[in-house]
Amino acid sequence: MPARTTDHRLSCPVRPRLRAVLRVSIPALLVAVALAVAVVPGGPRPTLAADLFTELRTFPGVVLVPPAALAPFDALEVGRVEFNRPRPGSTAIVRGRYLIQYRDPQGGTGSAQIGGSTGREELDEILTTLAGRSFRRCPPDAAYCSENVGGQDGAMPASEVFRGLTVSESPAVVEHVVCCGGHYWSLSWYDAARDMTYSLVLVGPLADQYGGGIAAENEGVALTIAEIAGRLGPLE
């Protein structure tokens, strides 16, 4: 799993938005939901990945995964799969969420995540937080905006956002953070045909491969990440 969208005006993120791409409050969720988790032990990658995905196939929405030769996932292995589902007999309304964490098989710190949640609410929450908390220097619909460390004038650039993007014609937004405890690129988009909001996050050294500075010219990187997302396909 890629913390909520960071408010860079108040403080710099201590760590990238790893598992919080799902935006799940685990203690509250466990009251009505069983969180299914599978962790990969040491061993052959293909068989273990298949075992993990066996459970994930019970997820009620469409799960997206990368094809075999898609970079950067072709250099990674599945490390963890998480998803939620209602407890038997529960009448609670639960927004289905899943998360696949990918790791460096050589033990490096670079990682990636692909996650999804049912409905559009997740993307709307992200857009609201980006406009109202993280990037206040610009109009809420600005195609590009950047923010400094702590939101302070004269401080070093810490983050940027790219709006108005698409993933296979679905509305998307990219957030890029370089301060202070980590580096990540985070893409979120809503697929109306599947009624799912998806996220793709690149973390640490893996994010470094796509550019580490803050500049409007990074739009090309944001578009590249959106193209990668567009090549993800349903789990079969």
C-alpha atoms as a PDB file:
ATOM      1  CA  MET A   1       0.000   0.000   0.000  1.00  0.00           C
ATOM      2  CA  PRO A   2       1.605   4.015  -1.346  1.00  0.00           C
ATOM      3  CA  ALA A   3      -1.167   8.477   4.808  1.00  0.00           C
ATOM      4  CA  ARG A   4      -3.611  10.833   3.430  1.00  0.00           C
ATOM      5  CA  THR A   5      -2.693  13.507   0.959  1.00  0.00           C
ATOM      6  CA  THR A   6      -0.113  15.546   2.825  1.00  0.00           C
ATOM      7  CA  ASP A   7      -0.697  19.101   3.971  1.00  0.00           C
ATOM      8  CA  HIS A   8       2.670  20.568   2.957  1.00  0.00           C
ATOM      9  CA  ARG A   9       1.765  23.992   4.337  1.00  0.00           C
ATOM     10  CA  LEU A  10       1.705  22.639   7.871  1.00  0.00           C
ATOM     11  CA  SER A  11       4.501  20.142   7.822  1.00  0.00           C
ATOM     12  CA  CYS A  12       6.599  18.086   5.507  1.00  0.00           C
ATOM     13  CA  PRO A  13       5.627  14.414   5.241  1.00  0.00           C
ATOM     14  CA  VAL A  14       7.547  12.164   7.571  1.00  0.00           C
ATOM     15  CA  ARG A  15       7.136   9.283   5.138  1.00  0.00           C
ATOM     16  CA  PRO A  16       5.537   8.789   1.734  1.00  0.00           C
ATOM     17  CA  ARG A  17       1.869   7.975   1.427  1.00  0.00           C
ATOM     18  CA  LEU A  18       2.458   4.257   1.414  1.00  0.00           C
ATOM     19  CA  ARG A  19      -0.414   2.116   2.539  1.00  0.00           C
ATOM     20  CA  ALA A  20      -2.639   5.119   3.049  1.00  0.00           C
ATOM     21  CA  VAL A  21      -3.352   5.242  -0.647  1.00  0.00           C
ATOM     22  CA  LEU A  22      -6.367   3.249   0.570  1.00  0.00           C
ATOM     23  CA  ARG A  23      -7.230   5.986   3.073  1.00  0.00           C
ATOM     24  CA  VAL A  24      -8.403   3.368   5.540  1.00  0.00           C
ATOM     25  CA  SER A  25      -8.613   3.916   9.281  1.00  0.00           C
ATOM     26  CA  ILE A  26      -7.768   0.352  10.274  1.00  0.00           C
ATOM     27  CA  PRO A  27      -9.085   0.444  13.879  1.00  0.00           C
ATOM     28  CA  ALA A  28     -12.467   1.773  12.739  1.00  0.00           C
ATOM     29  CA  LEU A  29     -12.576  -0.533   9.751  1.00  0.00           C
ATOM     30  CA  LEU A  30     -12.027  -3.654  11.803  1.00  0.00           C
ATOM     31  CA  VAL A  31     -15.253  -3.048  13.697  1.00  0.00           C
ATOM     32  CA  ALA A  32     -17.235  -4.123  10.643  1.00  0.00           C
ATOM     33  CA  VAL A  33     -14.673  -5.481   8.225  1.00  0.00           C
ATOM     34  CA  ALA A  34     -12.273  -8.390   8.067  1.00  0.00           C
ATOM     35  CA  LEU A  35      -9.017  -7.267   6.497  1.00  0.00           C
ATOM     36  CA  ALA A  36      -7.542 -10.092   4.472  1.00  0.00           C
ATOM     37  CA  VAL A  37      -3.751  -9.943   4.379  1.00  0.00           C
ATOM     38  CA  ALA A  38      -1.287 -12.241   2.664  1.00  0.00           C
ATOM     39  CA  VAL A  39       2.462 -11.759   3.109  1.00  0.00           C
ATOM     40  CA  VAL A  40       4.986 -13.347   0.800  1.00  0.00           C
ATOM     41  CA  PRO A  41       7.651 -15.455   2.553  1.00  0.00           C
ATOM     42  CA  GLY A  42      10.861 -16.399   0.787  1.00  0.00           C
ATOM     43  CA  GLY A  43      10.468 -18.626  -2.227  1.00  0.00           C
ATOM     44  CA  PRO A  44       9.712 -18.685  -5.957  1.00  0.00           C
ATOM     45  CA  ARG A  45       7.947 -15.561  -7.146  1.00  0.00           C
ATOM     46  CA  PRO A  46       5.390 -16.954  -9.671  1.00  0.00           C
ATOM     47  CA  THR A  47       3.754 -19.491  -7.358  1.00  0.00           C
ATOM     48  CA  LEU A  48       3.595 -17.129  -4.399  1.00  0.00           C
ATOM     49  CA  ALA A  49       2.123 -14.297  -6.463  1.00  0.00           C
ATOM     50  CA  ALA A  50      -0.539 -16.678  -7.731  1.00  0.00           C
ATOM     51  CA  ASP A  51      -1.351 -17.719  -4.157  1.00  0.00           C
ATOM     52  CA  LEU A  52      -1.759 -14.102  -3.093  1.00  0.00           C
ATOM     53  CA  PHE A  53      -4.004 -13.278  -6.027  1.00  0.00           C
ATOM     54  CA  THR A  54      -6.232 -16.287  -5.351  1.00  0.00           C
ATOM     55  CA  GLU A  55      -7.607 -14.484  -2.309  1.00  0.00           C
ATOM     56  CA  LEU A  56      -7.732 -11.154  -4.113  1.00  0.00           C
ATOM     57  CA  ARG A  57     -10.009 -12.637  -6.785  1.00  0.00           C
ATOM     58  CA  THR A  58     -12.820 -12.591  -4.220  1.00  0.00           C
ATOM     59  CA  PHE A  59     -12.700  -8.762  -4.129  1.00  0.00           C
ATOM     60  CA  PRO A  60     -16.088  -7.425  -5.322  1.00  0.00           C
ATOM     61  CA  GLY A  61     -14.610  -4.805  -7.679  1.00  0.00           C
ATOM     62  CA  VAL A  62     -12.241  -4.944 -10.658  1.00  0.00           C
ATOM     63  CA  VAL A  63      -8.648  -5.433  -9.510  1.00  0.00           C
ATOM     64  CA  LEU A  64      -5.982  -3.978 -11.821  1.00  0.00           C
ATOM     65  CA  VAL A  65      -2.520  -5.541 -12.146  1.00  0.00           C
ATOM     66  CA  PRO A  66       0.432  -4.960 -14.490  1.00  0.00           C
ATOM     67  CA  PRO A  67       1.141  -7.241 -17.449  1.00  0.00           C
ATOM     68  CA  ALA A  68       4.314  -9.314 -17.207  1.00  0.00           C
ATOM     69  CA  ALA A  69       6.618  -7.010 -19.174  1.00  0.00           C
ATOM     70  CA  LEU A  70       5.413  -3.616 -17.922  1.00  0.00           C
ATOM     71  CA  ALA A  71       8.127  -1.421 -16.378  1.00  0.00           C
ATOM     72  CA  PRO A  72       8.798  -0.746 -13.582  1.00  0.00           C
ATOM     73  CA  PHE A  73       6.813  -3.725 -12.287  1.00  0.00           C
ATOM     74  CA  ASP A  74       8.800  -6.185 -14.385  1.00  0.00           C
ATOM     75  CA  ALA A  75      11.736  -5.581 -12.004  1.00  0.00           C
ATOM     76  CA  LEU A  76       9.636  -6.001  -8.836  1.00  0.00           C
ATOM     77  CA  GLU A  77       7.874  -8.818  -6.992  1.00  0.00           C
ATOM     78  CA  VAL A  78       4.604  -8.895  -5.099  1.00  0.00           C
ATOM     79  CA  GLY A  79       5.310  -8.426  -1.415  1.00  0.00           C
ATOM     80  CA  ARG A  80       1.890  -8.005   0.160  1.00  0.00           C
ATOM     81  CA  VAL A  81      -1.804  -7.993  -0.731  1.00  0.00           C
ATOM     82  CA  GLU A  82      -4.540  -6.422   1.395  1.00  0.00           C
ATOM     83  CA  PHE A  83      -8.255  -5.962   0.905  1.00  0.00           C
ATOM     84  CA  ASN A  84     -11.358  -5.490   3.002  1.00  0.00           C
ATOM     85  CA  ARG A  85     -14.748  -7.158   2.901  1.00  0.00           C
ATOM     86  CA  PRO A  86     -17.824  -7.199   5.169  1.00  0.00           C
ATOM     87  CA  ARG A  87     -17.908  -9.629   8.041  1.00  0.00           C
ATOM     88  CA  PRO A  88     -20.481 -12.401   7.629  1.00  0.00           C
ATOM     89  CA  GLY A  89     -23.842 -11.150   8.856  1.00  0.00           C
ATOM     90  CA  SER A  90     -22.723  -7.531   9.067  1.00  0.00           C
ATOM     91  CA  THR A  91     -25.139  -4.877   7.804  1.00  0.00           C
ATOM     92  CA  ALA A  92     -22.495  -2.142   7.728  1.00  0.00           C
ATOM     93  CA  ILE A  93     -21.925  -0.370   4.425  1.00  0.00           C
ATOM     94  CA  VAL A  94     -18.288  -0.887   3.507  1.00  0.00           C
ATOM     95  CA  ARG A  95     -16.403   0.743   0.634  1.00  0.00           C
ATOM     96  CA  GLY A  96     -14.340  -2.048  -0.840  1.00  0.00           C
ATOM     97  CA  ARG A  97     -10.607  -1.373  -1.012  1.00  0.00           C
ATOM     98  CA  TYR A  98      -7.598  -3.375  -2.102  1.00  0.00           C
ATOM     99  CA  LEU A  99      -3.852  -2.792  -2.145  1.00  0.00           C
ATOM    100  CA  ILE A 100      -0.997  -4.648  -3.826  1.00  0.00           C
ATOM    101  CA  GLN A 101       2.501  -3.788  -2.633  1.00  0.00           C
ATOM    102  CA  TYR A 102       5.474  -4.491  -4.886  1.00  0.00           C
ATOM    103  CA  ARG A 103       9.050  -4.683  -3.638  1.00  0.00           C
ATOM    104  CA  ASP A 104      12.588  -4.947  -4.926  1.00  0.00           C
ATOM    105  CA  PRO A 105      13.509  -8.671  -5.032  1.00  0.00           C
ATOM    106  CA  GLN A 106      17.143  -7.685  -4.384  1.00  0.00           C
ATOM    107  CA  GLY A 107      16.243  -6.118  -1.055  1.00  0.00           C
ATOM    108  CA  GLY A 108      16.399  -2.486  -2.161  1.00  0.00           C
ATOM    109  CA  THR A 109      14.149   0.184  -0.695  1.00  0.00           C
ATOM    110  CA  GLY A 110      12.361   1.080  -3.921  1.00  0.00           C
ATOM    111  CA  SER A 111       8.738  -0.029  -4.023  1.00  0.00           C
ATOM    112  CA  ALA A 112       5.408   0.491  -5.772  1.00  0.00           C
ATOM    113  CA  GLN A 113       1.741   0.104  -4.973  1.00  0.00           C
ATOM    114  CA  ILE A 114      -1.447  -0.369  -6.924  1.00  0.00           C
ATOM    115  CA  GLY A 115      -4.703   0.119  -5.050  1.00  0.00           C
ATOM    116  CA  GLY A 116      -8.382   0.622  -5.685  1.00  0.00           C
ATOM    117  CA  SER A 117     -11.652   1.476  -3.974  1.00  0.00           C
ATOM    118  CA  THR A 118     -15.231   1.233  -5.156  1.00  0.00           C
ATOM    119  CA  GLY A 119     -16.945   4.431  -6.295  1.00  0.00           C
ATOM    120  CA  ARG A 120     -15.638   7.914  -7.085  1.00  0.00           C
ATOM    121  CA  GLU A 121     -15.615   9.188  -3.500  1.00  0.00           C
ATOM    122  CA  GLU A 122     -11.926   8.416  -3.055  1.00  0.00           C
ATOM    123  CA  LEU A 123     -10.852  10.618  -5.970  1.00  0.00           C
ATOM    124  CA  ASP A 124     -13.155  13.430  -4.864  1.00  0.00           C
ATOM    125  CA  GLU A 125     -11.627  13.328  -1.379  1.00  0.00           C
ATOM    126  CA  ILE A 126      -8.128  13.462  -2.854  1.00  0.00           C
ATOM    127  CA  LEU A 127      -8.978  16.437  -5.082  1.00  0.00           C
ATOM    128  CA  THR A 128     -10.581  18.289  -2.163  1.00  0.00           C
ATOM    129  CA  THR A 129      -7.586  17.705   0.102  1.00  0.00           C
ATOM    130  CA  LEU A 130      -5.087  18.745  -2.561  1.00  0.00           C
ATOM    131  CA  ALA A 131      -6.955  21.995  -3.211  1.00  0.00           C
ATOM    132  CA  GLY A 132      -7.921  22.850   0.351  1.00  0.00           C
ATOM    133  CA  ARG A 133      -4.876  21.758   2.328  1.00  0.00           C
ATOM    134  CA  SER A 134      -1.835  20.795   0.271  1.00  0.00           C
ATOM    135  CA  PHE A 135      -1.665  23.410  -2.518  1.00  0.00           C
ATOM    136  CA  ARG A 136      -3.297  26.665  -1.445  1.00  0.00           C
ATOM    137  CA  ARG A 137      -1.020  28.944  -3.440  1.00  0.00           C
ATOM    138  CA  CYS A 138      -2.956  28.262  -6.625  1.00  0.00           C
ATOM    139  CA  PRO A 139      -6.610  28.103  -7.728  1.00  0.00           C
ATOM    140  CA  PRO A 140      -8.148  24.708  -6.872  1.00  0.00           C
ATOM    141  CA  ASP A 141      -8.423  23.784 -10.546  1.00  0.00           C
ATOM    142  CA  ALA A 142      -4.921  24.944 -11.561  1.00  0.00           C
ATOM    143  CA  ALA A 143      -3.312  22.483 -13.972  1.00  0.00           C
ATOM    144  CA  TYR A 144      -0.027  22.828 -12.072  1.00  0.00           C
ATOM    145  CA  CYS A 145       0.900  24.005  -8.587  1.00  0.00           C
ATOM    146  CA  SER A 146       3.902  23.591  -6.294  1.00  0.00           C
ATOM    147  CA  GLU A 147       4.445  24.085  -2.579  1.00  0.00           C
ATOM    148  CA  ASN A 148       7.486  24.729  -0.394  1.00  0.00           C
ATOM    149  CA  VAL A 149       8.577  23.013   2.796  1.00  0.00           C
ATOM    150  CA  GLY A 150       6.107  23.946   5.522  1.00  0.00           C
ATOM    151  CA  GLY A 151       4.291  26.228   3.100  1.00  0.00           C
ATOM    152  CA  GLN A 152       6.921  28.890   3.788  1.00  0.00           C
ATOM    153  CA  ASP A 153       7.988  31.518   1.279  1.00  0.00           C
ATOM    154  CA  GLY A 154      11.662  31.165   0.431  1.00  0.00           C
ATOM    155  CA  ALA A 155      11.862  27.530   1.589  1.00  0.00           C
ATOM    156  CA  MET A 156      12.920  24.744  -0.730  1.00  0.00           C
ATOM    157  CA  PRO A 157      10.237  23.217  -2.997  1.00  0.00           C
ATOM    158  CA  ALA A 158       8.637  20.150  -1.431  1.00  0.00           C
ATOM    159  CA  SER A 159       5.784  19.021  -3.655  1.00  0.00           C
ATOM    160  CA  GLU A 160       3.820  19.587  -6.846  1.00  0.00           C
ATOM    161  CA  VAL A 161       0.498  18.549  -8.337  1.00  0.00           C
ATOM    162  CA  PHE A 162      -0.570  17.947 -11.932  1.00  0.00           C
ATOM    163  CA  ARG A 163      -4.292  18.142 -12.659  1.00  0.00           C
ATOM    164  CA  GLY A 164      -6.332  17.611 -15.804  1.00  0.00           C
ATOM    165  CA  LEU A 165      -4.599  14.339 -16.689  1.00  0.00           C
ATOM    166  CA  THR A 166      -6.288  11.190 -17.934  1.00  0.00           C
ATOM    167  CA  VAL A 167      -5.757   7.454 -17.694  1.00  0.00           C
ATOM    168  CA  SER A 168      -7.423   5.883 -20.718  1.00  0.00           C
ATOM    169  CA  GLU A 169      -9.809   8.868 -20.834  1.00  0.00           C
ATOM    170  CA  SER A 170     -10.559   8.657 -17.084  1.00  0.00           C
ATOM    171  CA  PRO A 171      -9.923  11.838 -15.003  1.00  0.00           C
ATOM    172  CA  ALA A 172      -6.646  11.682 -13.090  1.00  0.00           C
ATOM    173  CA  VAL A 173      -4.324  13.687 -10.857  1.00  0.00           C
ATOM    174  CA  VAL A 174      -0.650  13.230  -9.955  1.00  0.00           C
ATOM    175  CA  GLU A 175       1.035  14.369  -6.741  1.00  0.00           C
ATOM    176  CA  HIS A 176       4.832  14.418  -6.454  1.00  0.00           C
ATOM    177  CA  VAL A 177       6.547  14.822  -3.082  1.00  0.00           C
ATOM    178  CA  VAL A 178      10.321  15.079  -2.487  1.00  0.00           C
ATOM    179  CA  CYS A 179      10.391  16.194   1.165  1.00  0.00           C
ATOM    180  CA  CYS A 180      11.188  15.295   3.886  1.00  0.00           C
ATOM    181  CA  GLY A 181      11.265  11.625   4.859  1.00  0.00           C
ATOM    182  CA  GLY A 182      10.851  10.143   1.417  1.00  0.00           C
ATOM    183  CA  HIS A 183      10.188  10.604  -2.269  1.00  0.00           C
ATOM    184  CA  TYR A 184       7.105   9.428  -4.147  1.00  0.00           C
ATOM    185  CA  TRP A 185       4.961   9.895  -7.232  1.00  0.00           C
ATOM    186  CA  SER A 186       1.259   9.193  -6.656  1.00  0.00           C
ATOM    187  CA  LEU A 187      -1.347   8.911  -9.424  1.00  0.00           C
ATOM    188  CA  SER A 188      -5.085   8.638  -8.720  1.00  0.00           C
ATOM    189  CA  TRP A 189      -7.896   8.228 -11.251  1.00  0.00           C
ATOM    190  CA  TYR A 190     -11.573   7.272 -11.507  1.00  0.00           C
ATOM    191  CA  ASP A 191     -12.757   4.624 -13.964  1.00  0.00           C
ATOM    192  CA  ALA A 192     -16.476   5.262 -14.483  1.00  0.00           C
ATOM    193  CA  ALA A 193     -17.055   2.057 -16.458  1.00  0.00           C
ATOM    194  CA  ARG A 194     -15.806   0.008 -13.497  1.00  0.00           C
ATOM    195  CA  ASP A 195     -16.991   2.500 -10.866  1.00  0.00           C
ATOM    196  CA  MET A 196     -13.574   2.287  -9.200  1.00  0.00           C
ATOM    197  CA  THR A 197     -11.017   4.831  -8.041  1.00  0.00           C
ATOM    198  CA  TYR A 198      -7.468   3.555  -8.534  1.00  0.00           C
ATOM    199  CA  SER A 199      -4.046   4.681  -7.326  1.00  0.00           C
ATOM    200  CA  LEU A 200      -0.510   3.925  -8.462  1.00  0.00           C
ATOM    201  CA  VAL A 201       2.397   4.961  -6.226  1.00  0.00           C
ATOM    202  CA  LEU A 202       6.146   4.817  -6.873  1.00  0.00           C
ATOM    203  CA  VAL A 203       8.355   5.163  -3.791  1.00  0.00           C
ATOM    204  CA  GLY A 204      12.006   5.884  -2.970  1.00  0.00           C
ATOM    205  CA  PRO A 205      14.679   4.812  -5.461  1.00  0.00           C
ATOM    206  CA  LEU A 206      11.952   3.678  -7.841  1.00  0.00           C
ATOM    207  CA  ALA A 207      10.452   7.171  -7.786  1.00  0.00           C
ATOM    208  CA  ASP A 208      13.951   8.597  -8.308  1.00  0.00           C
ATOM    209  CA  GLN A 209      14.074   6.901 -11.702  1.00  0.00           C
ATOM    210  CA  TYR A 210      11.261   9.174 -12.889  1.00  0.00           C
ATOM    211  CA  GLY A 211      12.729  12.451 -11.648  1.00  0.00           C
ATOM    212  CA  GLY A 212      13.386  13.965  -8.248  1.00  0.00           C
ATOM    213  CA  GLY A 213      13.130  17.723  -8.668  1.00  0.00           C
ATOM    214  CA  ILE A 214      10.113  20.046  -8.477  1.00  0.00           C
ATOM    215  CA  ALA A 215       9.385  21.759 -11.792  1.00  0.00           C
ATOM    216  CA  ALA A 216       6.455  22.295 -14.139  1.00  0.00           C
ATOM    217  CA  GLU A 217       8.452  20.410 -16.768  1.00  0.00           C
ATOM    218  CA  ASN A 218       7.780  17.249 -14.760  1.00  0.00           C
ATOM    219  CA  GLU A 219       4.421  17.117 -16.493  1.00  0.00           C
ATOM    220  CA  GLY A 220       6.094  14.726 -18.921  1.00  0.00           C
ATOM    221  CA  VAL A 221       6.827  12.370 -16.024  1.00  0.00           C
ATOM    222  CA  ALA A 222       3.234  12.636 -14.814  1.00  0.00           C
ATOM    223  CA  LEU A 223       2.027  11.732 -18.302  1.00  0.00           C
ATOM    224  CA  THR A 224       4.416   8.766 -18.416  1.00  0.00           C
ATOM    225  CA  ILE A 225       3.061   7.430 -15.129  1.00  0.00           C
ATOM    226  CA  ALA A 226      -0.485   7.893 -16.443  1.00  0.00           C
ATOM    227  CA  GLU A 227       0.484   5.870 -19.521  1.00  0.00           C
ATOM    228  CA  ILE A 228       1.804   3.083 -17.276  1.00  0.00           C
ATOM    229  CA  ALA A 229      -1.502   3.066 -15.403  1.00  0.00           C
ATOM    230  CA  GLY A 230      -3.367   2.851 -18.684  1.00  0.00           C
ATOM    231  CA  ARG A 231      -1.640  -0.445 -19.426  1.00  0.00           C
ATOM    232  CA  LEU A 232      -2.790  -2.134 -16.224  1.00  0.00           C
ATOM    233  CA  GLY A 233      -5.351  -4.863 -16.822  1.00  0.00           C
ATOM    234  CA  PRO A 234      -7.998  -6.755 -14.820  1.00  0.00           C
ATOM    235  CA  LEU A 235      -6.839  -9.609 -12.621  1.00  0.00           C
ATOM    236  CA  GLU A 236      -7.950 -12.870 -14.213  1.00  0.00           C
END
